[in-house]
Amino acid sequence: PFRNIFKNCMYYWGFAAWMAYYINHPLYTPPAYGE
């Protein structure tokens, strides 16, 4: 079904954009980099 594929794409890209926002956010400091 086309709608199901479209929904999956939107979910995937939405998640990727959300992750990219938090990873690239200047105020975000992941524990991996630490001090």
Foldseek 3Di string as FASTA:
>chain_A
DVVVVVVVVCVVVVVVVVVCCLVPPPVHDDCVVPD
